N, C-alpha and C. Protein backbone atom coordinates (compact mmCIF):
# COMPACT_ATOMS: atom_id res chain seq x y z
N MET A 1 -199.73 175.86 -101.29
CA MET A 1 -199.57 174.69 -102.12
C MET A 1 -198.18 174.09 -101.90
N SER A 2 -198.14 172.81 -101.66
CA SER A 2 -196.89 172.12 -101.39
C SER A 2 -196.22 171.69 -102.70
N LEU A 3 -194.91 171.73 -102.71
CA LEU A 3 -194.15 171.30 -103.87
C LEU A 3 -193.87 169.80 -103.85
N HIS A 4 -194.24 169.15 -102.78
CA HIS A 4 -193.96 167.72 -102.64
C HIS A 4 -195.23 166.91 -102.87
N ARG A 5 -195.06 165.75 -103.44
CA ARG A 5 -196.18 164.83 -103.63
C ARG A 5 -196.49 164.15 -102.30
N ARG A 6 -197.75 163.79 -102.13
CA ARG A 6 -198.13 163.07 -100.93
C ARG A 6 -197.67 161.61 -100.99
N SER A 7 -197.65 161.04 -102.19
CA SER A 7 -197.19 159.66 -102.33
C SER A 7 -196.25 159.60 -103.53
N PRO A 8 -195.33 158.66 -103.49
CA PRO A 8 -194.37 158.57 -104.60
C PRO A 8 -195.05 158.10 -105.89
N ARG A 9 -194.50 158.50 -106.98
CA ARG A 9 -194.98 158.10 -108.29
C ARG A 9 -194.30 156.77 -108.66
N ALA A 10 -195.00 155.92 -109.36
CA ALA A 10 -194.42 154.63 -109.78
C ALA A 10 -193.25 154.88 -110.71
N LEU A 11 -192.19 154.11 -110.54
CA LEU A 11 -190.99 154.26 -111.36
C LEU A 11 -191.29 153.97 -112.83
N THR A 12 -192.20 153.04 -113.09
CA THR A 12 -192.54 152.72 -114.47
C THR A 12 -193.13 153.91 -115.20
N GLU A 13 -193.86 154.76 -114.50
CA GLU A 13 -194.42 155.98 -115.11
C GLU A 13 -193.30 156.89 -115.62
N ALA A 14 -192.26 157.00 -114.84
CA ALA A 14 -191.15 157.88 -115.22
C ALA A 14 -190.28 157.27 -116.32
N LEU A 15 -190.16 155.94 -116.33
CA LEU A 15 -189.26 155.28 -117.28
C LEU A 15 -189.91 154.96 -118.62
N GLU A 16 -191.24 154.89 -118.69
CA GLU A 16 -191.91 154.53 -119.93
C GLU A 16 -191.52 155.41 -121.12
N PRO A 17 -191.55 156.74 -120.98
CA PRO A 17 -191.15 157.57 -122.13
C PRO A 17 -189.69 157.34 -122.54
N LEU A 18 -188.82 157.10 -121.57
CA LEU A 18 -187.41 156.85 -121.88
C LEU A 18 -187.24 155.52 -122.60
N GLN A 19 -187.97 154.51 -122.15
CA GLN A 19 -187.89 153.19 -122.77
C GLN A 19 -188.30 153.27 -124.24
N ALA A 20 -189.36 153.98 -124.52
CA ALA A 20 -189.82 154.12 -125.90
C ALA A 20 -188.79 154.87 -126.74
N ALA A 21 -188.16 155.89 -126.15
CA ALA A 21 -187.20 156.70 -126.90
C ALA A 21 -185.88 155.98 -127.11
N TRP A 22 -185.43 155.20 -126.13
CA TRP A 22 -184.12 154.57 -126.20
C TRP A 22 -184.15 153.13 -126.68
N GLY A 23 -185.33 152.53 -126.72
CA GLY A 23 -185.44 151.13 -127.14
C GLY A 23 -185.09 150.97 -128.61
N PRO A 24 -184.64 149.77 -128.97
CA PRO A 24 -184.31 149.53 -130.37
C PRO A 24 -185.56 149.58 -131.25
N GLU A 25 -185.40 150.02 -132.47
CA GLU A 25 -186.52 150.11 -133.38
C GLU A 25 -186.56 148.86 -134.26
N THR A 26 -186.99 147.76 -133.65
CA THR A 26 -187.14 146.49 -134.35
C THR A 26 -188.56 146.00 -134.14
N LEU A 27 -188.97 145.06 -134.98
CA LEU A 27 -190.30 144.49 -134.83
C LEU A 27 -190.45 143.82 -133.47
N LEU A 28 -189.43 143.06 -133.05
CA LEU A 28 -189.50 142.37 -131.75
C LEU A 28 -189.64 143.36 -130.61
N ALA A 29 -188.85 144.42 -130.61
CA ALA A 29 -188.92 145.40 -129.52
C ALA A 29 -190.30 146.05 -129.47
N GLU A 30 -190.86 146.36 -130.63
CA GLU A 30 -192.19 146.97 -130.65
C GLU A 30 -193.25 145.98 -130.16
N VAL A 31 -193.14 144.73 -130.60
CA VAL A 31 -194.11 143.72 -130.14
C VAL A 31 -194.01 143.56 -128.63
N GLN A 32 -192.81 143.50 -128.09
CA GLN A 32 -192.64 143.36 -126.64
C GLN A 32 -193.25 144.53 -125.89
N ARG A 33 -193.17 145.73 -126.45
CA ARG A 33 -193.76 146.90 -125.79
C ARG A 33 -195.28 146.84 -125.77
N VAL A 34 -195.89 146.37 -126.87
CA VAL A 34 -197.36 146.39 -126.97
C VAL A 34 -198.01 145.07 -126.57
N TRP A 35 -197.23 144.04 -126.30
CA TRP A 35 -197.74 142.71 -126.02
C TRP A 35 -198.83 142.68 -124.94
N PRO A 36 -198.61 143.24 -123.74
CA PRO A 36 -199.67 143.18 -122.72
C PRO A 36 -200.98 143.83 -123.15
N SER A 37 -200.91 144.93 -123.87
CA SER A 37 -202.15 145.58 -124.30
C SER A 37 -202.81 144.82 -125.45
N ALA A 38 -202.03 144.10 -126.24
CA ALA A 38 -202.60 143.36 -127.37
C ALA A 38 -203.25 142.05 -126.94
N VAL A 39 -202.66 141.38 -125.95
CA VAL A 39 -203.18 140.06 -125.57
C VAL A 39 -203.84 140.03 -124.20
N GLY A 40 -203.64 141.06 -123.39
CA GLY A 40 -204.19 141.09 -122.04
C GLY A 40 -203.17 140.64 -121.02
N GLU A 41 -203.37 141.07 -119.80
CA GLU A 41 -202.41 140.80 -118.72
C GLU A 41 -202.29 139.31 -118.38
N ALA A 42 -203.38 138.56 -118.46
CA ALA A 42 -203.35 137.14 -118.11
C ALA A 42 -202.44 136.37 -119.06
N ILE A 43 -202.58 136.61 -120.35
CA ILE A 43 -201.72 135.92 -121.32
C ILE A 43 -200.30 136.44 -121.24
N ALA A 44 -200.14 137.74 -121.08
CA ALA A 44 -198.80 138.33 -121.00
C ALA A 44 -198.01 137.79 -119.81
N ALA A 45 -198.70 137.38 -118.75
CA ALA A 45 -198.02 136.81 -117.59
C ALA A 45 -197.50 135.40 -117.88
N GLU A 46 -198.08 134.72 -118.86
CA GLU A 46 -197.72 133.34 -119.16
C GLU A 46 -196.93 133.16 -120.46
N ALA A 47 -196.90 134.18 -121.31
CA ALA A 47 -196.24 134.06 -122.61
C ALA A 47 -195.62 135.40 -123.00
N MET A 48 -194.40 135.34 -123.55
CA MET A 48 -193.69 136.57 -123.90
C MET A 48 -193.01 136.40 -125.25
N PRO A 49 -193.10 137.40 -126.13
CA PRO A 49 -192.39 137.34 -127.40
C PRO A 49 -190.88 137.24 -127.17
N GLN A 50 -190.26 136.30 -127.88
CA GLN A 50 -188.86 136.02 -127.66
C GLN A 50 -187.99 136.32 -128.88
N ALA A 51 -188.55 136.16 -130.08
CA ALA A 51 -187.78 136.40 -131.29
C ALA A 51 -188.73 136.73 -132.43
N ALA A 52 -188.20 137.43 -133.43
CA ALA A 52 -188.97 137.74 -134.64
C ALA A 52 -188.03 137.66 -135.83
N ARG A 53 -188.46 136.90 -136.83
CA ARG A 53 -187.64 136.76 -138.02
C ARG A 53 -188.54 136.50 -139.22
N GLY A 54 -188.44 137.34 -140.22
CA GLY A 54 -189.22 137.17 -141.42
C GLY A 54 -190.72 137.19 -141.18
N GLY A 55 -191.17 137.96 -140.20
CA GLY A 55 -192.58 138.04 -139.88
C GLY A 55 -193.10 136.94 -138.98
N VAL A 56 -192.24 135.99 -138.64
CA VAL A 56 -192.62 134.91 -137.73
C VAL A 56 -192.21 135.31 -136.32
N LEU A 57 -193.19 135.38 -135.44
CA LEU A 57 -192.96 135.80 -134.05
C LEU A 57 -192.93 134.57 -133.16
N THR A 58 -191.81 134.35 -132.48
CA THR A 58 -191.67 133.22 -131.56
C THR A 58 -192.10 133.67 -130.18
N ILE A 59 -193.05 132.94 -129.61
CA ILE A 59 -193.58 133.24 -128.28
C ILE A 59 -193.15 132.15 -127.32
N ALA A 60 -192.47 132.53 -126.24
CA ALA A 60 -192.06 131.59 -125.20
C ALA A 60 -193.18 131.51 -124.17
N CYS A 61 -193.75 130.32 -124.00
CA CYS A 61 -194.87 130.11 -123.09
C CYS A 61 -194.41 129.35 -121.86
N SER A 62 -195.09 129.57 -120.75
CA SER A 62 -194.71 128.95 -119.48
C SER A 62 -195.07 127.47 -119.42
N ALA A 63 -196.00 127.03 -120.25
CA ALA A 63 -196.42 125.62 -120.25
C ALA A 63 -196.93 125.26 -121.64
N SER A 64 -196.93 123.98 -121.95
CA SER A 64 -197.38 123.54 -123.27
C SER A 64 -198.86 123.85 -123.49
N VAL A 65 -199.63 123.90 -122.42
CA VAL A 65 -201.05 124.25 -122.54
C VAL A 65 -201.19 125.67 -123.08
N TRP A 66 -200.36 126.59 -122.59
CA TRP A 66 -200.40 127.97 -123.08
C TRP A 66 -199.93 128.03 -124.52
N ALA A 67 -198.92 127.26 -124.89
CA ALA A 67 -198.44 127.26 -126.28
C ALA A 67 -199.56 126.79 -127.21
N HIS A 68 -200.26 125.74 -126.82
CA HIS A 68 -201.37 125.22 -127.64
C HIS A 68 -202.50 126.24 -127.73
N GLU A 69 -202.83 126.86 -126.62
CA GLU A 69 -203.91 127.86 -126.60
C GLU A 69 -203.56 129.05 -127.51
N LEU A 70 -202.33 129.52 -127.46
CA LEU A 70 -201.93 130.64 -128.30
C LEU A 70 -201.90 130.24 -129.78
N ASP A 71 -201.55 128.98 -130.06
CA ASP A 71 -201.64 128.50 -131.44
C ASP A 71 -203.07 128.64 -131.95
N LEU A 72 -204.03 128.26 -131.12
CA LEU A 72 -205.44 128.34 -131.51
C LEU A 72 -205.90 129.79 -131.65
N MET A 73 -205.38 130.68 -130.81
CA MET A 73 -205.75 132.08 -130.83
C MET A 73 -204.90 132.89 -131.83
N GLY A 74 -203.98 132.24 -132.50
CA GLY A 74 -203.01 132.91 -133.37
C GLY A 74 -203.58 133.94 -134.32
N PRO A 75 -204.59 133.59 -135.14
CA PRO A 75 -205.11 134.59 -136.09
C PRO A 75 -205.64 135.85 -135.42
N ALA A 76 -206.31 135.72 -134.30
CA ALA A 76 -206.84 136.89 -133.60
C ALA A 76 -205.70 137.73 -133.00
N ILE A 77 -204.70 137.07 -132.44
CA ILE A 77 -203.56 137.79 -131.86
C ILE A 77 -202.79 138.52 -132.96
N ILE A 78 -202.56 137.85 -134.08
CA ILE A 78 -201.84 138.48 -135.20
C ILE A 78 -202.60 139.71 -135.69
N ALA A 79 -203.91 139.59 -135.81
CA ALA A 79 -204.71 140.74 -136.27
C ALA A 79 -204.61 141.91 -135.30
N ARG A 80 -204.68 141.64 -133.98
CA ARG A 80 -204.57 142.72 -132.98
C ARG A 80 -203.20 143.36 -133.02
N LEU A 81 -202.16 142.53 -133.10
CA LEU A 81 -200.80 143.07 -133.16
C LEU A 81 -200.60 143.93 -134.40
N ASN A 82 -201.03 143.44 -135.55
CA ASN A 82 -200.82 144.19 -136.80
C ASN A 82 -201.60 145.49 -136.84
N ASP A 83 -202.69 145.58 -136.08
CA ASP A 83 -203.42 146.84 -135.98
C ASP A 83 -202.63 147.88 -135.20
N ILE A 84 -201.79 147.42 -134.28
CA ILE A 84 -201.03 148.31 -133.40
C ILE A 84 -199.64 148.63 -133.96
N LEU A 85 -198.99 147.66 -134.57
CA LEU A 85 -197.59 147.78 -134.98
C LEU A 85 -197.38 148.80 -136.09
N THR A 86 -196.23 149.47 -136.03
CA THR A 86 -195.86 150.44 -137.06
C THR A 86 -194.56 150.06 -137.77
N LEU A 87 -193.77 149.17 -137.17
CA LEU A 87 -192.45 148.83 -137.72
C LEU A 87 -192.45 147.58 -138.59
N GLY A 88 -193.56 146.93 -138.73
CA GLY A 88 -193.61 145.71 -139.53
C GLY A 88 -194.90 144.96 -139.25
N GLN A 89 -195.00 143.79 -139.82
CA GLN A 89 -196.19 142.97 -139.67
C GLN A 89 -195.80 141.57 -139.21
N VAL A 90 -196.66 140.98 -138.41
CA VAL A 90 -196.49 139.59 -137.99
C VAL A 90 -197.34 138.74 -138.93
N VAL A 91 -196.76 137.69 -139.49
CA VAL A 91 -197.51 136.82 -140.40
C VAL A 91 -197.85 135.48 -139.77
N ARG A 92 -197.06 135.10 -138.75
CA ARG A 92 -197.31 133.81 -138.12
C ARG A 92 -196.75 133.80 -136.71
N LEU A 93 -197.41 133.06 -135.81
CA LEU A 93 -196.89 132.85 -134.46
C LEU A 93 -196.28 131.47 -134.38
N ARG A 94 -195.17 131.38 -133.70
CA ARG A 94 -194.53 130.10 -133.40
C ARG A 94 -194.45 130.03 -131.87
N CYS A 95 -195.26 129.17 -131.28
CA CYS A 95 -195.36 129.10 -129.82
C CYS A 95 -194.55 127.92 -129.31
N ILE A 96 -193.65 128.20 -128.38
CA ILE A 96 -192.80 127.17 -127.79
C ILE A 96 -192.95 127.20 -126.28
N THR A 97 -192.57 126.10 -125.66
CA THR A 97 -192.56 126.05 -124.20
C THR A 97 -191.14 126.34 -123.73
N ALA A 98 -191.01 127.34 -122.87
CA ALA A 98 -189.71 127.73 -122.35
C ALA A 98 -189.61 127.32 -120.89
N PRO A 99 -188.43 126.92 -120.44
CA PRO A 99 -188.29 126.54 -119.02
C PRO A 99 -188.45 127.71 -118.09
């Protein structure tokens, strides 16, 4: 039995546990960690949580079309996020277009 792997392991696999342990314990940090699993990879590629204050989550979108779409999907996204989150609750999404 060889002690070496045949192919290298992805760096993200090794860093994920460290990121969770060393990351700040804020609502925004937790939302950013779970965002791709809550909304899916397609939306996560076009929109990213940017700020959280008083339960209002600001989402920076790549285009105004994405901001409008996320506004329409807001209640479903909030429900999915709140099912996952442990550090707080999201009460509203504020979707903006970021350059």
